[in-house]
Structure formats: C-alpha cells, structure tokens
Amino acid sequence: MVERKKLVLDPAGYFLIRIRYGKIEVGFCEYKDMIWGKKNKVLKKKASKNPQEILDWIKKNKLYSRKDHYEYMKKELNKAKRCIASKKKYVQS
C-alpha cells in the first residue's frame, strides 16, 4: 500500500502550470483571492521554455515560503519540459 503525504499548503500562494504555444506558462495566485468553484485570480505570470528561468523568477519574486513547494515546482516544470519535447499532454500533479 502506498502511503500518501498530507498536503501542506504554502502560505505564500499557489501556482498554475500549463503548456501554451510551446512554452511553460506559470501563473501565481494567492489564497486570499481564491473563490472556490470560480476562476483563479492570477497575480503574476511567467512563460519560458526553460524551467530554470521560471524557477529563478519564482525565487527573485519570493513567491514561495516552503522549500518543499519550491522542490515541487522544480519537479513539475521539468515534467512540463519533457512533455513539450515528447509532444505529450501535460497535467499538473
């Protein structure tokens, strides 16, 4: 049986990730702007083919407060890059 980790939200906010026009697009949202069942309010956006460029942007703008959230973003952005290269659909975990 696989044990699942309990999800701990980053107080700084959350990210929406998608592939658009051959680039990885990341939107940053804050929980205070979240309305359940409605659209997310994207406060900042960054698009690039290079995951490291997006990670540097996240760090520079202090868009995370938990190291595990940053590590999750690293994993997801690299997954998105592989999806672009293999022409597979990307689904955020």
Protein backbone atom coordinates (compact mmCIF):
# COMPACT_ATOMS: atom_id res chain seq x y z
CA MET A 1 0.00 0.00 0.00
CA VAL A 2 1.36 3.43 -0.96
CA GLU A 3 1.32 5.97 1.83
CA ARG A 4 0.36 9.47 0.75
CA LYS A 5 1.85 12.55 2.30
CA LYS A 6 -0.54 15.06 3.79
CA LEU A 7 -0.79 18.14 1.59
CA VAL A 8 0.56 21.22 3.33
CA LEU A 9 -0.27 24.46 1.54
CA ASP A 10 2.32 27.18 1.15
CA PRO A 11 1.02 30.35 2.82
CA ALA A 12 2.69 32.41 0.08
CA GLY A 13 0.25 31.10 -2.54
CA TYR A 14 -0.02 28.54 -5.30
CA PHE A 15 0.94 28.06 -8.94
CA LEU A 16 -1.00 27.05 -12.01
CA ILE A 17 1.13 25.43 -14.71
CA ARG A 18 0.26 24.78 -18.34
CA ILE A 19 1.90 24.49 -21.72
CA ARG A 20 0.90 27.21 -24.16
CA TYR A 21 2.39 27.93 -27.58
CA GLY A 22 5.31 25.59 -26.91
CA LYS A 23 6.28 27.28 -23.64
CA ILE A 24 5.72 26.50 -19.99
CA GLU A 25 3.38 29.13 -18.54
CA VAL A 26 3.15 29.63 -14.78
CA GLY A 27 0.55 31.73 -13.01
CA PHE A 28 0.92 32.69 -9.36
CA CYS A 29 -2.21 33.07 -7.20
CA GLU A 30 -2.82 33.90 -3.55
CA TYR A 31 -5.33 32.04 -1.39
CA LYS A 32 -6.99 35.29 -0.25
CA ASP A 33 -8.10 35.83 -3.86
CA MET A 34 -9.38 32.28 -4.27
CA ILE A 35 -13.09 31.76 -4.67
CA TRP A 36 -13.96 28.07 -4.53
CA GLY A 37 -15.64 26.90 -7.71
CA LYS A 38 -14.69 30.08 -9.57
CA LYS A 39 -11.74 31.10 -11.72
CA ASN A 40 -8.33 31.57 -10.13
CA LYS A 41 -7.07 35.16 -9.98
CA VAL A 42 -3.58 35.11 -11.48
CA LEU A 43 -1.47 37.89 -9.94
CA LYS A 44 1.82 37.24 -11.76
CA LYS A 45 2.70 35.27 -14.88
CA LYS A 46 5.86 33.95 -16.46
CA ALA A 47 6.36 31.89 -19.63
CA SER A 48 9.54 30.24 -20.85
CA LYS A 49 10.84 27.08 -22.48
CA ASN A 50 13.48 26.94 -19.75
CA PRO A 51 12.34 25.64 -16.32
CA GLN A 52 15.36 27.21 -14.58
CA GLU A 53 14.38 30.66 -15.86
CA ILE A 54 10.94 30.23 -14.24
CA LEU A 55 12.48 28.92 -11.01
CA ASP A 56 14.79 31.96 -10.89
CA TRP A 57 11.74 34.21 -11.38
CA ILE A 58 9.93 32.44 -8.53
CA LYS A 59 12.94 32.96 -6.23
CA LYS A 60 13.51 36.58 -7.28
CA ASN A 61 9.87 37.46 -6.61
CA LYS A 62 9.74 35.48 -3.33
CA LEU A 63 6.68 33.55 -4.46
CA TYR A 64 7.17 30.65 -2.07
CA SER A 65 7.83 30.23 1.63
CA ARG A 66 8.21 26.46 1.88
CA LYS A 67 11.22 24.61 0.47
CA ASP A 68 9.05 21.61 -0.42
CA HIS A 69 6.85 23.89 -2.56
CA TYR A 70 9.91 25.09 -4.47
CA GLU A 71 11.05 21.47 -4.94
CA TYR A 72 7.56 20.56 -6.20
CA MET A 73 7.78 23.39 -8.75
CA LYS A 74 11.19 22.15 -9.89
CA LYS A 75 9.74 18.68 -10.45
CA GLU A 76 6.61 19.94 -12.24
CA LEU A 77 8.47 22.37 -14.50
CA ASN A 78 10.87 19.65 -15.61
CA LYS A 79 7.92 17.33 -16.23
CA ALA A 80 6.32 20.06 -18.38
CA LYS A 81 9.58 20.45 -20.33
CA ARG A 82 9.64 16.69 -21.02
CA CYS A 83 6.01 16.87 -22.21
CA ILE A 84 6.89 19.62 -24.67
CA ALA A 85 9.83 17.61 -26.00
CA SER A 86 7.78 14.41 -26.37
CA LYS A 87 4.65 16.24 -27.57
CA LYS A 88 2.62 14.70 -24.74
CA LYS A 89 -0.16 16.39 -22.84
CA TYR A 90 0.92 17.97 -19.55
CA VAL A 91 -1.26 17.54 -16.46
CA GLN A 92 -0.20 19.29 -13.27
CA SER A 93 0.09 16.95 -10.28
